[in-house]
Amino acid sequence: MIVALRPVDARGADRGALETFLSSNTFPFHVIARPSSAQITESIDAGAWGDADTETFWIESPHDPYAGLVRLQDLRDPTAMLDLRVAEHQRGHGLGTAALRAVTDHLFRTRPDAHRFEGTTREDNVAMRRTFHRCGWVQEAHYRDGWPVPDADPVASVGYSVLRRDWATGSRTLVPDFATEPPRA
């Protein structure tokens, strides 16, 4: 699948479309699965969808200019953070993989100071975990009971990243396994 990334003008021309997208889709693996209108308004006004540290893009598929949304956060830090949201009617068709590849390319091509790109999801978000893996990202963390779930027990939070050098070479630097014994000093 081919996707394009189009910048979101959250406080301007795209405000209504952003509010509609966030309020008309449910994001079951985000901390706030279905934000209220007040939460959406407050987050836009606070700059959460676009400021000096945050860039947001519409994910456009060939037949849908609002197929998804991707937000890059902590852009002044060498490690940028990912927030990827796919519209409900677009899920399960490969859009997440295409979008993650496109936004990873965008980050490393436009941000020379970015050293790594990081994303976190819940352990039960199998689709996103597979997407990270397909795109060359490496699982770096598994935080037991690290993700609060409303009206349920917490689930593990799983962290992934891709390093600039791995993106540039198409390789994958794996994380050492210290599960059985800590490293020797």
N, C-alpha and C. Protein backbone atom coordinates (compact mmCIF):
# COMPACT_ATOMS: atom_id res chain seq x y z
N MET A 1 0.84 -1.18 0.00
CA MET A 1 0.00 0.00 0.00
C MET A 1 0.88 1.24 0.00
N ILE A 2 0.48 2.22 -0.76
CA ILE A 2 1.18 3.50 -0.83
C ILE A 2 0.40 4.52 -0.02
N VAL A 3 1.10 5.24 0.85
CA VAL A 3 0.47 6.30 1.64
C VAL A 3 1.29 7.58 1.47
N ALA A 4 0.65 8.68 1.74
CA ALA A 4 1.31 9.98 1.78
C ALA A 4 1.07 10.58 3.15
N LEU A 5 2.00 11.41 3.59
CA LEU A 5 1.86 12.13 4.85
C LEU A 5 1.63 13.60 4.52
N ARG A 6 0.55 14.15 5.08
CA ARG A 6 0.21 15.55 4.85
C ARG A 6 0.17 16.25 6.20
N PRO A 7 0.93 17.34 6.38
CA PRO A 7 0.95 18.03 7.68
C PRO A 7 -0.44 18.46 8.13
N VAL A 8 -0.68 18.35 9.42
CA VAL A 8 -1.93 18.77 10.03
C VAL A 8 -1.74 20.16 10.63
N ASP A 9 -2.62 21.07 10.28
CA ASP A 9 -2.67 22.40 10.87
C ASP A 9 -3.74 22.33 11.97
N ALA A 10 -3.32 21.83 13.13
CA ALA A 10 -4.28 21.50 14.20
C ALA A 10 -5.06 22.69 14.73
N ARG A 11 -4.43 23.82 14.84
CA ARG A 11 -5.12 25.00 15.40
C ARG A 11 -5.74 25.86 14.31
N GLY A 12 -5.57 25.45 13.07
CA GLY A 12 -6.07 26.24 11.96
C GLY A 12 -7.01 25.45 11.07
N ALA A 13 -6.66 25.33 9.80
CA ALA A 13 -7.54 24.76 8.78
C ALA A 13 -7.96 23.32 9.05
N ASP A 14 -7.15 22.55 9.77
CA ASP A 14 -7.48 21.13 10.02
C ASP A 14 -8.15 20.87 11.36
N ARG A 15 -8.41 21.91 12.12
CA ARG A 15 -8.96 21.71 13.46
C ARG A 15 -10.25 20.88 13.45
N GLY A 16 -11.20 21.24 12.60
CA GLY A 16 -12.47 20.51 12.55
C GLY A 16 -12.29 19.06 12.13
N ALA A 17 -11.45 18.82 11.13
CA ALA A 17 -11.20 17.45 10.67
C ALA A 17 -10.50 16.64 11.75
N LEU A 18 -9.59 17.26 12.48
CA LEU A 18 -8.90 16.57 13.58
C LEU A 18 -9.88 16.21 14.68
N GLU A 19 -10.73 17.17 15.06
CA GLU A 19 -11.75 16.89 16.08
C GLU A 19 -12.67 15.75 15.64
N THR A 20 -13.09 15.78 14.38
CA THR A 20 -13.97 14.73 13.85
C THR A 20 -13.27 13.38 13.86
N PHE A 21 -12.03 13.33 13.39
CA PHE A 21 -11.29 12.07 13.34
C PHE A 21 -11.14 11.47 14.74
N LEU A 22 -10.71 12.29 15.70
CA LEU A 22 -10.47 11.79 17.05
C LEU A 22 -11.76 11.39 17.76
N SER A 23 -12.86 12.07 17.46
CA SER A 23 -14.12 11.76 18.15
C SER A 23 -14.95 10.67 17.47
N SER A 24 -14.67 10.38 16.21
CA SER A 24 -15.49 9.39 15.51
C SER A 24 -14.83 8.03 15.39
N ASN A 25 -13.64 7.88 15.91
CA ASN A 25 -12.95 6.59 15.93
C ASN A 25 -12.64 6.21 17.37
N THR A 26 -12.61 4.93 17.61
CA THR A 26 -12.18 4.42 18.91
C THR A 26 -10.78 3.86 18.74
N PHE A 27 -9.91 4.18 19.67
CA PHE A 27 -8.53 3.71 19.65
C PHE A 27 -8.31 2.84 20.88
N PRO A 28 -8.70 1.57 20.80
CA PRO A 28 -8.76 0.71 21.99
C PRO A 28 -7.42 0.47 22.67
N PHE A 29 -6.32 0.69 22.00
CA PHE A 29 -5.01 0.43 22.60
C PHE A 29 -4.29 1.71 23.00
N HIS A 30 -5.00 2.83 23.05
CA HIS A 30 -4.45 4.07 23.57
C HIS A 30 -4.97 4.25 25.00
N VAL A 31 -4.26 5.04 25.78
CA VAL A 31 -4.67 5.26 27.17
C VAL A 31 -6.08 5.83 27.22
N ILE A 32 -6.38 6.78 26.35
CA ILE A 32 -7.74 7.31 26.23
C ILE A 32 -8.29 6.79 24.89
N ALA A 33 -9.12 5.77 24.98
CA ALA A 33 -9.60 5.08 23.77
C ALA A 33 -10.54 5.94 22.94
N ARG A 34 -11.36 6.73 23.59
CA ARG A 34 -12.31 7.59 22.88
C ARG A 34 -12.36 8.92 23.61
N PRO A 35 -11.52 9.86 23.20
CA PRO A 35 -11.48 11.14 23.91
C PRO A 35 -12.79 11.93 23.76
N SER A 36 -13.13 12.64 24.81
CA SER A 36 -14.32 13.49 24.78
C SER A 36 -14.02 14.75 23.96
N SER A 37 -15.06 15.45 23.58
CA SER A 37 -14.88 16.71 22.86
C SER A 37 -14.05 17.69 23.67
N ALA A 38 -14.29 17.74 24.98
CA ALA A 38 -13.52 18.64 25.84
C ALA A 38 -12.05 18.26 25.87
N GLN A 39 -11.75 16.96 25.95
CA GLN A 39 -10.36 16.50 25.94
C GLN A 39 -9.67 16.84 24.62
N ILE A 40 -10.39 16.66 23.53
CA ILE A 40 -9.83 16.96 22.21
C ILE A 40 -9.53 18.45 22.09
N THR A 41 -10.51 19.28 22.45
CA THR A 41 -10.34 20.73 22.39
C THR A 41 -9.17 21.19 23.25
N GLU A 42 -9.12 20.68 24.46
CA GLU A 42 -8.04 21.04 25.38
C GLU A 42 -6.68 20.64 24.83
N SER A 43 -6.57 19.44 24.25
CA SER A 43 -5.28 18.97 23.74
C SER A 43 -4.84 19.79 22.52
N ILE A 44 -5.78 20.15 21.65
CA ILE A 44 -5.43 20.99 20.49
C ILE A 44 -4.97 22.36 20.96
N ASP A 45 -5.73 22.96 21.87
CA ASP A 45 -5.38 24.30 22.37
C ASP A 45 -4.04 24.31 23.11
N ALA A 46 -3.70 23.18 23.74
CA ALA A 46 -2.44 23.08 24.48
C ALA A 46 -1.24 22.80 23.58
N GLY A 47 -1.47 22.59 22.29
CA GLY A 47 -0.37 22.34 21.36
C GLY A 47 0.04 20.89 21.24
N ALA A 48 -0.78 19.98 21.77
CA ALA A 48 -0.43 18.55 21.74
C ALA A 48 -0.38 17.97 20.34
N TRP A 49 -0.98 18.65 19.37
CA TRP A 49 -1.02 18.14 18.00
C TRP A 49 -0.17 18.97 17.05
N GLY A 50 0.59 19.90 17.60
CA GLY A 50 1.48 20.70 16.77
C GLY A 50 2.07 21.86 17.53
N ASP A 51 3.36 21.79 17.77
CA ASP A 51 4.11 22.88 18.38
C ASP A 51 5.58 22.66 18.05
N ALA A 52 6.48 23.33 18.72
CA ALA A 52 7.90 23.23 18.41
C ALA A 52 8.45 21.82 18.64
N ASP A 53 7.77 21.04 19.45
CA ASP A 53 8.23 19.70 19.81
C ASP A 53 7.40 18.59 19.18
N THR A 54 6.35 18.95 18.43
CA THR A 54 5.40 17.97 17.92
C THR A 54 5.00 18.28 16.48
N GLU A 55 5.02 17.25 15.64
CA GLU A 55 4.51 17.34 14.27
C GLU A 55 3.43 16.27 14.11
N THR A 56 2.34 16.63 13.44
CA THR A 56 1.27 15.67 13.19
C THR A 56 0.97 15.66 11.70
N PHE A 57 0.69 14.46 11.18
CA PHE A 57 0.41 14.28 9.77
C PHE A 57 -0.84 13.45 9.57
N TRP A 58 -1.61 13.81 8.55
CA TRP A 58 -2.67 12.93 8.07
C TRP A 58 -2.00 11.82 7.29
N ILE A 59 -2.50 10.62 7.44
CA ILE A 59 -2.07 9.50 6.60
C ILE A 59 -3.11 9.41 5.50
N GLU A 60 -2.66 9.63 4.27
CA GLU A 60 -3.56 9.58 3.12
C GLU A 60 -3.34 8.29 2.35
N SER A 61 -4.40 7.53 2.14
CA SER A 61 -4.33 6.37 1.26
C SER A 61 -4.86 6.81 -0.10
N PRO A 62 -4.73 5.98 -1.12
CA PRO A 62 -5.18 6.41 -2.45
C PRO A 62 -6.63 6.91 -2.52
N HIS A 63 -7.50 6.41 -1.65
CA HIS A 63 -8.91 6.80 -1.73
C HIS A 63 -9.44 7.44 -0.45
N ASP A 64 -8.53 7.80 0.47
CA ASP A 64 -8.99 8.34 1.74
C ASP A 64 -7.97 9.35 2.28
N PRO A 65 -8.28 10.64 2.25
CA PRO A 65 -7.34 11.65 2.74
C PRO A 65 -7.22 11.68 4.27
N TYR A 66 -8.12 10.96 4.97
CA TYR A 66 -8.09 10.91 6.44
C TYR A 66 -8.06 9.46 6.90
N ALA A 67 -7.19 8.66 6.31
CA ALA A 67 -7.11 7.23 6.65
C ALA A 67 -6.49 7.01 8.03
N GLY A 68 -5.72 7.96 8.50
CA GLY A 68 -5.09 7.83 9.80
C GLY A 68 -4.39 9.11 10.17
N LEU A 69 -3.72 9.03 11.31
CA LEU A 69 -3.05 10.19 11.88
C LEU A 69 -1.77 9.68 12.53
N VAL A 70 -0.69 10.39 12.32
CA VAL A 70 0.56 10.03 12.98
C VAL A 70 1.16 11.30 13.59
N ARG A 71 1.58 11.14 14.83
CA ARG A 71 2.14 12.29 15.55
C ARG A 71 3.55 11.94 16.01
N LEU A 72 4.47 12.86 15.75
CA LEU A 72 5.85 12.75 16.22
C LEU A 72 6.00 13.69 17.40
N GLN A 73 6.47 13.16 18.51
CA GLN A 73 6.61 13.96 19.72
C GLN A 73 8.06 13.95 20.19
N ASP A 74 8.39 14.88 21.07
CA ASP A 74 9.74 15.02 21.63
C ASP A 74 10.77 15.26 20.54
N LEU A 75 10.44 16.09 19.57
CA LEU A 75 11.31 16.31 18.42
C LEU A 75 12.59 17.08 18.75
N ARG A 76 12.66 17.73 19.90
CA ARG A 76 13.89 18.41 20.28
C ARG A 76 14.85 17.47 21.01
N ASP A 77 14.41 16.26 21.23
CA ASP A 77 15.21 15.24 21.90
C ASP A 77 15.80 14.30 20.84
N PRO A 78 16.94 13.69 21.06
CA PRO A 78 17.48 12.75 20.06
C PRO A 78 16.60 11.51 19.86
N THR A 79 15.68 11.27 20.78
CA THR A 79 14.74 10.16 20.65
C THR A 79 13.34 10.73 20.47
N ALA A 80 12.81 10.64 19.26
CA ALA A 80 11.44 11.08 18.99
C ALA A 80 10.49 9.95 19.36
N MET A 81 9.26 10.33 19.71
CA MET A 81 8.24 9.36 20.09
C MET A 81 7.14 9.31 19.04
N LEU A 82 6.54 8.15 18.88
CA LEU A 82 5.51 7.89 17.88
C LEU A 82 4.14 7.76 18.51
N ASP A 83 3.13 8.33 17.86
CA ASP A 83 1.72 8.10 18.17
C ASP A 83 1.05 7.85 16.82
N LEU A 84 0.61 6.62 16.58
CA LEU A 84 0.00 6.23 15.32
C LEU A 84 -1.45 5.82 15.56
N ARG A 85 -2.36 6.40 14.77
CA ARG A 85 -3.78 6.09 14.90
C ARG A 85 -4.34 5.85 13.50
N VAL A 86 -4.93 4.70 13.30
CA VAL A 86 -5.52 4.33 12.01
C VAL A 86 -7.04 4.37 12.17
N ALA A 87 -7.72 4.97 11.19
CA ALA A 87 -9.19 5.03 11.23
C ALA A 87 -9.75 3.61 11.27
N GLU A 88 -10.84 3.44 11.99
CA GLU A 88 -11.42 2.10 12.17
C GLU A 88 -11.65 1.39 10.85
N HIS A 89 -12.18 2.08 9.86
CA HIS A 89 -12.51 1.43 8.59
C HIS A 89 -11.28 1.08 7.75
N GLN A 90 -10.10 1.53 8.17
CA GLN A 90 -8.86 1.25 7.44
C GLN A 90 -8.01 0.16 8.10
N ARG A 91 -8.39 -0.29 9.27
CA ARG A 91 -7.57 -1.26 10.00
C ARG A 91 -7.59 -2.62 9.32
N GLY A 92 -6.46 -3.30 9.41
CA GLY A 92 -6.35 -4.65 8.86
C GLY A 92 -6.02 -4.72 7.38
N HIS A 93 -5.63 -3.59 6.78
CA HIS A 93 -5.34 -3.56 5.34
C HIS A 93 -3.90 -3.16 5.03
N GLY A 94 -3.02 -3.12 6.03
CA GLY A 94 -1.63 -2.79 5.80
C GLY A 94 -1.29 -1.31 5.89
N LEU A 95 -2.25 -0.49 6.24
CA LEU A 95 -2.01 0.95 6.32
C LEU A 95 -1.00 1.28 7.42
N GLY A 96 -1.08 0.62 8.55
CA GLY A 96 -0.16 0.89 9.66
C GLY A 96 1.29 0.66 9.26
N THR A 97 1.55 -0.43 8.56
CA THR A 97 2.91 -0.73 8.12
C THR A 97 3.40 0.33 7.14
N ALA A 98 2.60 0.66 6.16
CA ALA A 98 2.99 1.69 5.19
C ALA A 98 3.21 3.03 5.88
N ALA A 99 2.35 3.38 6.81
CA ALA A 99 2.47 4.66 7.52
C ALA A 99 3.71 4.68 8.40
N LEU A 100 4.00 3.59 9.10
CA LEU A 100 5.17 3.55 9.97
C LEU A 100 6.45 3.66 9.15
N ARG A 101 6.50 3.00 8.02
CA ARG A 101 7.68 3.13 7.15
C ARG A 101 7.82 4.56 6.64
N ALA A 102 6.72 5.17 6.22
CA ALA A 102 6.76 6.54 5.69
C ALA A 102 7.19 7.54 6.76
N VAL A 103 6.66 7.42 7.95
CA VAL A 103 6.98 8.40 8.99
C VAL A 103 8.39 8.19 9.53
N THR A 104 8.87 6.95 9.54
CA THR A 104 10.26 6.69 9.94
C THR A 104 11.21 7.32 8.93
N ASP A 105 10.93 7.14 7.64
CA ASP A 105 11.74 7.79 6.60
C ASP A 105 11.70 9.31 6.77
N HIS A 106 10.51 9.84 7.00
CA HIS A 106 10.37 11.30 7.16
C HIS A 106 11.22 11.80 8.33
N LEU A 107 11.12 11.13 9.47
CA LEU A 107 11.85 11.58 10.66
C LEU A 107 13.35 11.60 10.39
N PHE A 108 13.90 10.50 9.91
CA PHE A 108 15.34 10.44 9.75
C PHE A 108 15.86 11.29 8.59
N ARG A 109 15.02 11.54 7.58
CA ARG A 109 15.45 12.40 6.47
C ARG A 109 15.37 13.89 6.82
N THR A 110 14.44 14.27 7.71
CA THR A 110 14.25 15.70 8.00
C THR A 110 14.82 16.14 9.34
N ARG A 111 15.16 15.23 10.19
CA ARG A 111 15.65 15.57 11.54
C ARG A 111 17.04 14.95 11.74
N PRO A 112 18.10 15.64 11.31
CA PRO A 112 19.44 15.06 11.41
C PRO A 112 19.88 14.76 12.84
N ASP A 113 19.29 15.41 13.83
CA ASP A 113 19.67 15.16 15.22
C ASP A 113 18.93 13.97 15.84
N ALA A 114 17.95 13.43 15.14
CA ALA A 114 17.22 12.27 15.67
C ALA A 114 18.11 11.04 15.58
N HIS A 115 18.34 10.43 16.71
CA HIS A 115 19.19 9.24 16.78
C HIS A 115 18.37 7.95 16.80
N ARG A 116 17.21 8.04 17.43
CA ARG A 116 16.33 6.87 17.51
C ARG A 116 14.89 7.32 17.51
N PHE A 117 14.02 6.40 17.16
CA PHE A 117 12.58 6.64 17.07
C PHE A 117 11.93 5.56 17.90
N GLU A 118 11.07 5.96 18.83
CA GLU A 118 10.54 5.04 19.82
C GLU A 118 9.02 5.03 19.82
N GLY A 119 8.46 3.87 20.06
CA GLY A 119 7.01 3.73 20.19
C GLY A 119 6.68 2.69 21.24
N THR A 120 5.53 2.86 21.86
CA THR A 120 5.09 1.94 22.91
C THR A 120 3.66 1.52 22.62
N THR A 121 3.37 0.27 22.92
CA THR A 121 2.01 -0.21 22.78
C THR A 121 1.72 -1.21 23.89
N ARG A 122 0.48 -1.63 23.96
CA ARG A 122 0.10 -2.64 24.94
C ARG A 122 0.50 -4.02 24.44
N GLU A 123 0.74 -4.94 25.40
CA GLU A 123 1.14 -6.30 25.02
C GLU A 123 0.07 -7.01 24.20
N ASP A 124 -1.19 -6.64 24.37
CA ASP A 124 -2.27 -7.31 23.64
C ASP A 124 -2.58 -6.66 22.30
N ASN A 125 -1.83 -5.64 21.91
CA ASN A 125 -2.00 -5.01 20.59
C ASN A 125 -1.09 -5.74 19.61
N VAL A 126 -1.49 -6.95 19.26
CA VAL A 126 -0.69 -7.83 18.42
C VAL A 126 -0.46 -7.21 17.04
N ALA A 127 -1.46 -6.56 16.48
CA ALA A 127 -1.31 -5.95 15.15
C ALA A 127 -0.20 -4.91 15.15
N MET A 128 -0.16 -4.05 16.15
CA MET A 128 0.88 -3.02 16.20
C MET A 128 2.24 -3.63 16.47
N ARG A 129 2.31 -4.63 17.30
CA ARG A 129 3.59 -5.28 17.59
C ARG A 129 4.15 -5.93 16.32
N ARG A 130 3.27 -6.53 15.52
CA ARG A 130 3.71 -7.12 14.25
C ARG A 130 4.15 -6.02 13.28
N THR A 131 3.45 -4.90 13.30
CA THR A 131 3.81 -3.76 12.44
C THR A 131 5.20 -3.26 12.79
N PHE A 132 5.47 -3.06 14.07
CA PHE A 132 6.81 -2.63 14.48
C PHE A 132 7.86 -3.61 13.93
N HIS A 133 7.62 -4.89 14.14
CA HIS A 133 8.59 -5.90 13.70
C HIS A 133 8.79 -5.88 12.18
N ARG A 134 7.68 -5.83 11.42
CA ARG A 134 7.78 -5.79 9.95
C ARG A 134 8.58 -4.59 9.46
N CYS A 135 8.53 -3.50 10.20
CA CYS A 135 9.21 -2.26 9.79
C CYS A 135 10.64 -2.16 10.31
N GLY A 136 11.15 -3.22 10.91
CA GLY A 136 12.55 -3.23 11.35
C GLY A 136 12.79 -2.68 12.74
N TRP A 137 11.72 -2.40 13.46
CA TRP A 137 11.87 -1.91 14.83
C TRP A 137 12.19 -3.10 15.74
N VAL A 138 12.84 -2.83 16.87
CA VAL A 138 13.26 -3.87 17.80
C VAL A 138 12.56 -3.67 19.14
N GLN A 139 12.07 -4.76 19.71
CA GLN A 139 11.48 -4.67 21.04
C GLN A 139 12.61 -4.46 22.04
N GLU A 140 12.48 -3.40 22.84
CA GLU A 140 13.50 -3.07 23.83
C GLU A 140 13.01 -3.22 25.26
N ALA A 141 11.73 -3.21 25.47
CA ALA A 141 11.23 -3.22 26.84
C ALA A 141 9.90 -3.95 26.94
N HIS A 142 9.69 -4.54 28.09
CA HIS A 142 8.41 -5.18 28.41
C HIS A 142 8.14 -4.84 29.88
N TYR A 143 7.30 -3.83 30.08
CA TYR A 143 7.01 -3.35 31.43
C TYR A 143 5.75 -4.05 31.94
N ARG A 144 5.94 -4.99 32.84
CA ARG A 144 4.83 -5.76 33.38
C ARG A 144 3.85 -4.84 34.12
N ASP A 145 2.56 -5.01 33.83
CA ASP A 145 1.49 -4.20 34.45
C ASP A 145 1.75 -2.69 34.28
N GLY A 146 2.38 -2.31 33.18
CA GLY A 146 2.77 -0.93 32.97
C GLY A 146 1.75 -0.06 32.25
N TRP A 147 0.63 -0.63 31.82
CA TRP A 147 -0.35 0.14 31.05
C TRP A 147 -1.69 0.04 31.76
N PRO A 148 -2.18 1.14 32.32
CA PRO A 148 -3.47 1.10 33.00
C PRO A 148 -4.61 0.87 32.00
N VAL A 149 -5.58 0.09 32.42
CA VAL A 149 -6.75 -0.20 31.59
C VAL A 149 -7.99 0.12 32.42
N PRO A 150 -8.86 1.00 31.95
CA PRO A 150 -10.06 1.34 32.72
C PRO A 150 -10.90 0.10 33.03
N ASP A 151 -11.29 -0.03 34.27
CA ASP A 151 -12.16 -1.11 34.73
C ASP A 151 -11.59 -2.50 34.49
N ALA A 152 -10.26 -2.63 34.45
CA ALA A 152 -9.62 -3.92 34.26
C ALA A 152 -8.21 -3.87 34.88
N ASP A 153 -7.62 -5.03 34.99
CA ASP A 153 -6.24 -5.09 35.47
C ASP A 153 -5.31 -4.46 34.44
N PRO A 154 -4.22 -3.88 34.89
CA PRO A 154 -3.26 -3.33 33.93
C PRO A 154 -2.65 -4.44 33.08
N VAL A 155 -2.17 -4.05 31.89
CA VAL A 155 -1.47 -4.99 31.01
C VAL A 155 -0.05 -4.47 30.83
N ALA A 156 0.78 -5.29 30.24
CA ALA A 156 2.16 -4.89 30.02
C ALA A 156 2.25 -3.83 28.93
N SER A 157 3.20 -2.94 29.09
CA SER A 157 3.54 -1.94 28.09
C SER A 157 4.80 -2.45 27.39
N VAL A 158 4.79 -2.44 26.07
CA VAL A 158 5.91 -2.98 25.30
C VAL A 158 6.52 -1.88 24.46
N GLY A 159 7.83 -1.66 24.62
CA GLY A 159 8.52 -0.58 23.94
C GLY A 159 9.37 -1.09 22.78
N TYR A 160 9.29 -0.35 21.67
CA TYR A 160 10.05 -0.67 20.45
C TYR A 160 10.80 0.58 20.02
N SER A 161 11.87 0.37 19.24
CA SER A 161 12.54 1.51 18.63
C SER A 161 13.26 1.06 17.37
N VAL A 162 13.65 2.07 16.59
CA VAL A 162 14.53 1.87 15.46
C VAL A 162 15.63 2.92 15.58
N LEU A 163 16.86 2.50 15.37
CA LEU A 163 18.00 3.40 15.42
C LEU A 163 18.27 3.96 14.03
N ARG A 164 18.77 5.17 13.99
CA ARG A 164 19.09 5.79 12.71
C ARG A 164 20.01 4.88 11.89
N ARG A 165 21.04 4.31 12.51
CA ARG A 165 21.99 3.48 11.76
C ARG A 165 21.32 2.23 11.19
N ASP A 166 20.36 1.68 11.92
CA ASP A 166 19.64 0.51 11.41
C ASP A 166 18.73 0.89 10.25
N TRP A 167 18.06 2.04 10.38
CA TRP A 167 17.22 2.54 9.28
C TRP A 167 18.07 2.76 8.04
N ALA A 168 19.25 3.36 8.20
CA ALA A 168 20.11 3.70 7.07
C ALA A 168 20.66 2.46 6.37
N THR A 169 20.90 1.39 7.14
CA THR A 169 21.52 0.19 6.56
C THR A 169 20.54 -0.94 6.32
N GLY A 170 19.32 -0.80 6.84
CA GLY A 170 18.36 -1.88 6.71
C GLY A 170 18.66 -3.05 7.64
N SER A 171 19.48 -2.80 8.66
CA SER A 171 19.84 -3.85 9.61
C SER A 171 19.01 -3.71 10.89
N ARG A 172 19.30 -4.56 11.85
CA ARG A 172 18.57 -4.55 13.11
C ARG A 172 19.55 -4.84 14.24
N THR A 173 19.79 -3.85 15.11
CA THR A 173 20.65 -4.06 16.27
C THR A 173 19.78 -4.63 17.39
N LEU A 174 20.04 -5.88 17.72
CA LEU A 174 19.22 -6.54 18.74
C LEU A 174 19.65 -6.16 20.14
N VAL A 175 18.73 -6.30 21.08
CA VAL A 175 18.97 -5.99 22.48
C VAL A 175 19.51 -7.23 23.16
N PRO A 176 20.58 -7.09 23.98
CA PRO A 176 21.07 -8.27 24.70
C PRO A 176 19.99 -8.82 25.63
N ASP A 177 20.01 -10.12 25.84
CA ASP A 177 19.03 -10.77 26.72
C ASP A 177 19.64 -10.95 28.10
N PHE A 178 19.11 -10.20 29.06
CA PHE A 178 19.58 -10.32 30.44
C PHE A 178 18.51 -10.94 31.33
N ALA A 179 17.61 -11.71 30.75
CA ALA A 179 16.47 -12.23 31.49
C ALA A 179 16.88 -13.23 32.56
N THR A 180 17.96 -13.98 32.35
CA THR A 180 18.30 -15.01 33.33
C THR A 180 19.36 -14.57 34.31
N GLU A 181 20.29 -13.73 33.92
CA GLU A 181 21.35 -13.29 34.80
C GLU A 181 21.77 -11.88 34.43
N PRO A 182 21.95 -11.01 35.42
CA PRO A 182 22.35 -9.63 35.10
C PRO A 182 23.77 -9.63 34.51
N PRO A 183 24.09 -8.60 33.75
CA PRO A 183 25.44 -8.52 33.17
C PRO A 183 26.48 -8.38 34.28
N ARG A 184 27.66 -8.89 34.02
CA ARG A 184 28.76 -8.76 35.00
C ARG A 184 29.41 -7.39 34.87
N ALA A 185 29.75 -6.84 36.02
CA ALA A 185 30.37 -5.50 36.03
C ALA A 185 31.84 -5.57 35.73
